[in-house]
Protein backbone atom coordinates (compact mmCIF):
# COMPACT_ATOMS: atom_id res chain seq x y z
CA UNK A 1 78.07 89.65 110.57
CA UNK A 2 77.05 90.39 114.17
CA UNK A 3 80.19 88.58 115.36
CA UNK A 4 82.36 90.78 113.14
CA UNK A 5 80.77 93.97 114.47
CA UNK A 6 81.11 92.70 118.06
CA UNK A 7 84.79 91.94 117.42
CA UNK A 8 85.44 95.48 116.21
CA UNK A 9 83.47 96.97 119.11
CA UNK A 10 85.95 95.31 121.48
CA UNK A 11 88.95 96.73 119.63
CA UNK A 12 90.64 100.08 120.04
CA UNK A 13 89.08 102.15 117.20
CA UNK A 14 92.48 103.13 115.81
CA UNK A 15 93.46 99.47 115.61
CA UNK A 16 90.03 98.77 114.15
CA UNK A 17 90.69 101.32 111.40
CA UNK A 18 93.97 99.59 110.62
CA UNK A 19 92.37 96.14 110.48
CA UNK A 20 89.44 97.32 108.36
CA UNK A 21 91.62 99.08 105.80
CA UNK A 22 94.02 96.13 105.76
CA UNK A 23 90.99 94.05 104.75
CA UNK A 24 90.29 96.42 101.85
CA UNK A 25 93.94 96.16 100.81
CA UNK A 26 93.80 92.36 100.91
CA UNK A 27 90.70 92.32 98.69
CA UNK A 28 92.69 94.35 96.16
CA UNK A 29 95.34 91.64 96.35
CA UNK A 30 92.69 89.00 95.63
CA UNK A 31 91.69 90.94 92.53
CA UNK A 32 95.32 91.27 91.43
CA UNK A 33 95.83 87.52 91.90
CA UNK A 34 93.64 86.85 88.85
CA UNK A 35 96.79 87.24 86.72
CA UNK A 36 97.84 83.80 87.95
CA UNK A 37 94.68 82.19 86.55
CA UNK A 38 93.64 84.20 83.49
CA UNK A 39 95.46 85.63 80.50
CA UNK A 40 92.91 88.40 80.06
CA UNK A 41 89.63 89.62 81.50
CA UNK A 42 86.55 90.12 79.31
CA UNK A 43 86.05 93.82 78.58
CA UNK A 44 82.32 93.69 79.30
CA UNK A 45 83.03 92.13 82.67
CA UNK A 46 85.53 94.86 83.51
CA UNK A 47 83.09 97.58 82.44
CA UNK A 48 80.44 96.10 84.70
CA UNK A 49 82.87 95.91 87.61
CA UNK A 50 84.07 99.47 87.06
CA UNK A 51 80.45 100.61 87.03
CA UNK A 52 79.94 98.65 90.25
CA UNK A 53 82.94 100.46 91.75
CA UNK A 54 81.44 103.82 90.86
CA UNK A 55 78.08 102.88 92.37
CA UNK A 56 79.64 101.78 95.64
CA UNK A 57 81.75 104.94 95.90
CA UNK A 58 78.83 107.28 95.22
CA UNK A 59 76.51 105.52 97.68
CA UNK A 60 79.25 105.43 100.33
CA UNK A 61 79.89 109.13 99.81
CA UNK A 62 76.23 109.96 100.43
CA UNK A 63 75.08 107.54 103.15
CA UNK A 64 78.31 106.84 105.00
CA UNK A 65 79.97 110.25 104.75
CA UNK A 66 77.88 113.26 103.73
CA UNK A 67 74.71 112.46 105.67
CA UNK A 68 76.61 111.74 108.94
CA UNK A 69 78.69 114.89 108.35
CA UNK A 70 75.53 117.00 108.17
CA UNK A 71 73.87 115.21 111.08
CA UNK A 72 76.75 115.92 113.43
CA UNK A 73 77.09 119.58 112.43
CA UNK A 74 75.64 122.22 114.73
CA UNK A 75 73.33 125.07 113.79
CA UNK A 76 70.35 125.29 111.47
CA UNK A 77 69.80 125.72 107.76
CA UNK A 78 72.84 126.72 105.72
CA UNK A 79 75.06 126.86 108.81
CA UNK A 80 74.39 123.18 109.47
CA UNK A 81 75.32 122.10 105.95
CA UNK A 82 78.32 124.45 105.62
CA UNK A 83 80.95 122.02 107.06
CA UNK A 84 79.83 119.36 104.57
CA UNK A 85 80.05 121.83 101.69
CA UNK A 86 83.50 123.08 102.66
CA UNK A 87 84.85 119.58 103.36
CA UNK A 88 83.46 118.28 100.06
CA UNK A 89 85.04 121.15 98.11
CA UNK A 90 88.41 120.66 99.81
CA UNK A 91 88.30 116.91 99.14
CA UNK A 92 87.49 117.34 95.47
CA UNK A 93 90.05 120.13 95.21
CA UNK A 94 92.73 117.98 96.83
CA UNK A 95 92.21 115.15 94.34
CA UNK A 96 92.07 117.66 91.50
CA UNK A 97 95.46 119.04 92.55
CA UNK A 98 96.95 115.55 92.77
CA UNK A 99 95.44 114.67 89.38
CA UNK A 100 97.01 117.75 87.81
CA UNK A 101 100.39 117.50 89.51
CA UNK A 102 101.13 113.81 90.06
CA UNK A 103 102.04 112.01 86.82
CA UNK A 104 99.81 108.99 86.24
CA UNK A 105 98.37 106.87 83.45
CA UNK A 106 94.77 105.82 83.09
CA UNK A 107 93.90 102.18 82.50
CA UNK A 108 93.24 102.76 78.79
CA UNK A 109 96.90 103.84 78.29
CA UNK A 110 95.74 106.67 76.02
CA UNK A 111 96.87 109.68 78.01
CA UNK A 112 99.47 110.48 80.62
CA UNK A 113 98.21 113.13 83.04
CA UNK A 114 100.06 115.39 85.45
CA UNK A 115 103.51 116.88 84.99
CA UNK A 116 105.78 115.44 82.33
CA UNK A 117 107.94 112.57 83.53
CA UNK A 118 110.27 109.87 82.18
CA UNK A 119 108.62 107.29 84.44
CA UNK A 120 107.52 104.03 82.86
CA UNK A 121 103.89 103.18 82.10
CA UNK A 122 103.82 100.61 84.89
CA UNK A 123 104.68 103.20 87.53
CA UNK A 124 102.18 105.69 86.14
CA UNK A 125 99.36 103.14 86.10
CA UNK A 126 99.99 102.11 89.71
CA UNK A 127 99.99 105.78 90.73
CA UNK A 128 96.63 106.28 89.03
CA UNK A 129 94.95 103.55 91.09
CA UNK A 130 96.78 104.68 94.22
CA UNK A 131 95.08 108.07 93.83
CA UNK A 132 91.74 106.23 94.08
CA UNK A 133 92.68 104.49 97.28
CA UNK A 134 93.70 107.52 99.35
CA UNK A 135 90.14 108.80 99.94
CA UNK A 136 88.82 105.26 100.43
CA UNK A 137 91.20 104.52 103.29
CA UNK A 138 90.65 107.99 104.72
CA UNK A 139 86.87 107.52 104.70
CA UNK A 140 87.04 104.33 106.76
CA UNK A 141 89.59 105.84 109.13
CA UNK A 142 87.62 108.98 109.96
CA UNK A 143 84.54 106.92 110.80
CA UNK A 144 86.55 104.82 113.24
CA UNK A 145 88.01 108.06 114.60
CA UNK A 146 84.48 109.31 115.25
CA UNK A 147 83.79 106.17 117.24
CA UNK A 148 86.99 106.72 119.23
CA UNK A 149 85.85 110.16 120.39
CA UNK A 150 82.38 108.87 121.24
CA UNK A 151 80.28 110.76 118.68
CA UNK A 152 76.81 109.15 118.44
CA UNK A 153 76.61 109.75 114.68
CA UNK A 154 79.64 107.46 114.15
CA UNK A 155 79.17 103.75 114.78
CA UNK A 156 81.32 100.66 114.48
CA UNK A 157 78.60 99.04 112.37
CA UNK A 158 78.66 101.97 109.95
CA UNK A 159 82.45 101.89 109.72
CA UNK A 160 82.44 98.13 109.13
CA UNK A 161 79.73 98.50 106.47
CA UNK A 162 81.84 101.10 104.68
CA UNK A 163 84.93 98.89 104.86
CA UNK A 164 82.98 95.98 103.36
CA UNK A 165 81.67 98.19 100.55
CA UNK A 166 85.13 99.59 99.81
CA UNK A 167 86.51 96.06 99.87
CA UNK A 168 83.94 94.87 97.33
CA UNK A 169 84.85 97.59 94.87
CA UNK A 170 88.59 97.06 95.44
CA UNK A 171 88.34 93.64 93.80
CA UNK A 172 88.00 95.04 90.26
CA UNK A 173 90.59 97.71 91.04
CA UNK A 174 93.17 95.00 91.70
CA UNK A 175 92.26 93.42 88.37
CA UNK A 176 92.38 96.80 86.64
CA UNK A 177 96.03 97.24 87.62
CA UNK A 178 97.40 93.71 87.36
CA UNK A 179 95.90 92.71 84.03
CA UNK A 180 97.13 95.73 82.03
CA UNK A 181 100.60 95.29 83.50
CA UNK A 182 100.54 91.67 82.39
CA UNK A 183 99.56 92.78 78.87
CA UNK A 184 102.59 95.09 78.86
CA UNK A 185 104.78 92.00 79.22
CA UNK A 186 105.41 92.08 82.94
CA UNK A 187 105.67 88.72 84.70
CA UNK A 188 102.68 87.38 86.63
CA UNK A 189 104.47 87.82 89.97
CA UNK A 190 105.39 91.44 89.28
CA UNK A 191 101.92 92.20 87.92
CA UNK A 192 100.40 90.82 91.10
CA UNK A 193 102.87 92.70 93.28
CA UNK A 194 102.12 96.07 91.72
CA UNK A 195 98.40 95.31 91.61
CA UNK A 196 98.16 94.77 95.36
CA UNK A 197 100.75 97.44 96.11
CA UNK A 198 98.46 100.11 94.66
CA UNK A 199 96.19 99.70 97.73
CA UNK A 200 98.91 99.71 100.40
CA UNK A 201 98.09 103.37 100.93
CA UNK A 202 94.65 102.47 102.34
CA UNK A 203 95.82 101.23 105.79
CA UNK A 204 98.11 104.26 105.99
CA UNK A 205 95.33 106.70 105.09
CA UNK A 206 92.93 104.86 107.41
CA UNK A 207 95.15 105.21 110.48
CA UNK A 208 96.05 108.82 109.63
CA UNK A 209 92.36 109.69 109.25
CA UNK A 210 91.41 108.04 112.54
CA UNK A 211 94.26 109.69 114.45
CA UNK A 212 93.51 113.11 112.96
CA UNK A 213 89.91 112.96 114.13
CA UNK A 214 90.84 111.82 117.65
CA UNK A 215 93.32 114.68 118.00
CA UNK A 216 91.12 117.33 116.37
CA UNK A 217 87.57 116.16 117.07
CA UNK A 218 85.81 119.24 115.58
CA UNK A 219 87.17 118.40 112.11
CA UNK A 220 85.15 115.16 111.85
CA UNK A 221 82.27 116.60 109.75
CA UNK A 222 84.82 118.26 107.48
CA UNK A 223 86.91 115.07 107.28
CA UNK A 224 83.90 112.93 106.34
CA UNK A 225 82.86 115.39 103.63
CA UNK A 226 86.50 115.68 102.48
CA UNK A 227 86.62 111.93 101.84
CA UNK A 228 83.26 112.11 100.04
CA UNK A 229 84.43 114.93 97.78
CA UNK A 230 87.62 113.07 96.94
CA UNK A 231 85.74 109.87 96.10
CA UNK A 232 83.14 111.64 93.95
CA UNK A 233 85.97 113.34 92.05
CA UNK A 234 87.54 109.96 91.33
CA UNK A 235 84.21 108.53 90.14
CA UNK A 236 83.47 111.41 87.77
CA UNK A 237 87.04 111.94 86.59
CA UNK A 238 88.04 108.37 85.90
CA UNK A 239 85.79 105.48 86.94
CA UNK A 240 82.69 106.39 84.92
CA UNK A 241 84.54 107.58 81.77
CA UNK A 242 86.68 104.42 81.87
CA UNK A 243 83.62 102.18 82.19
CA UNK A 244 81.78 103.95 79.34
CA UNK A 245 84.47 103.60 76.66
CA UNK A 246 83.11 100.32 75.34
CA UNK A 247 80.21 100.39 72.86
CA UNK A 248 77.90 98.49 75.20
CA UNK A 249 77.80 101.12 77.95
CA UNK A 250 74.61 99.66 79.45
CA UNK A 251 76.68 97.00 81.22
CA UNK A 252 78.60 99.66 83.15
CA UNK A 253 75.34 101.45 83.98
CA UNK A 254 73.79 98.26 85.35
CA UNK A 255 76.95 97.61 87.37
CA UNK A 256 76.73 101.14 88.80
CA UNK A 257 73.12 100.63 89.88
CA UNK A 258 73.90 97.28 91.52
CA UNK A 259 76.91 98.72 93.36
CA UNK A 260 74.92 101.73 94.53
CA UNK A 261 72.07 99.58 95.88
CA UNK A 262 74.41 97.14 97.65
CA UNK A 263 76.38 99.91 99.38
CA UNK A 264 73.20 101.78 100.33
CA UNK A 265 71.72 98.60 101.77
CA UNK A 266 74.90 97.75 103.70
CA UNK A 267 75.00 101.17 105.29
CA UNK A 268 71.30 101.26 106.21
CA UNK A 269 71.09 97.65 107.46
CA UNK A 270 74.39 97.58 109.33
CA UNK A 271 74.86 101.25 110.17
């Protein structure tokens, strides 16, 4: 792990953001590749993995994003926490607007959300997971951007820890796209393609986030909190409800706790 951190320390932070988010995209592809080996994935396993995803995203939002955002803010009391509050609200509001406007289909196939559209279920499902990946790539990117401008609260180790955590929870997301598409009758190759394609937005969001912070350094606390608000919205709006649909909801809860503890530990130990 020390060698990985040292490698990223010797890279241009913008390039580091691209490499780190490309890693998270590739992990999604690994998850999507399960369609080549399995006809279906056990529902309990998927619930546990979705819970794990939620745990990672919540812990990352707190330790990797909100706490650094407050630490790097100036002032005392409410003034110090205000950038985190505003950024969090804007992030959640941004995802809420996308959720209301962009047509997409949840994994359970029960309800199409957003404006009415003639698009096929496959397109809508891929769009749903793509919505998840925007704040994830952005979160990694803004941390690397903080390193680029030399802010002490942002570290390569913290950015790498976040990328690893996001990568871990992208594995079940790849499965969650590819397997349902396969059940709809799509070929294994196409199911895999759309499964990994849902995360292609992460390297894009990562580079955009890093560049934005380097150009407008004062927005970093807001950008970190923005990513946190967007990720928490995704967890509450879709990940947790999706994981709790099965009768044995304890599996998803246990997965959430494990994911939360792993991400918290990664951030504290590495960051």
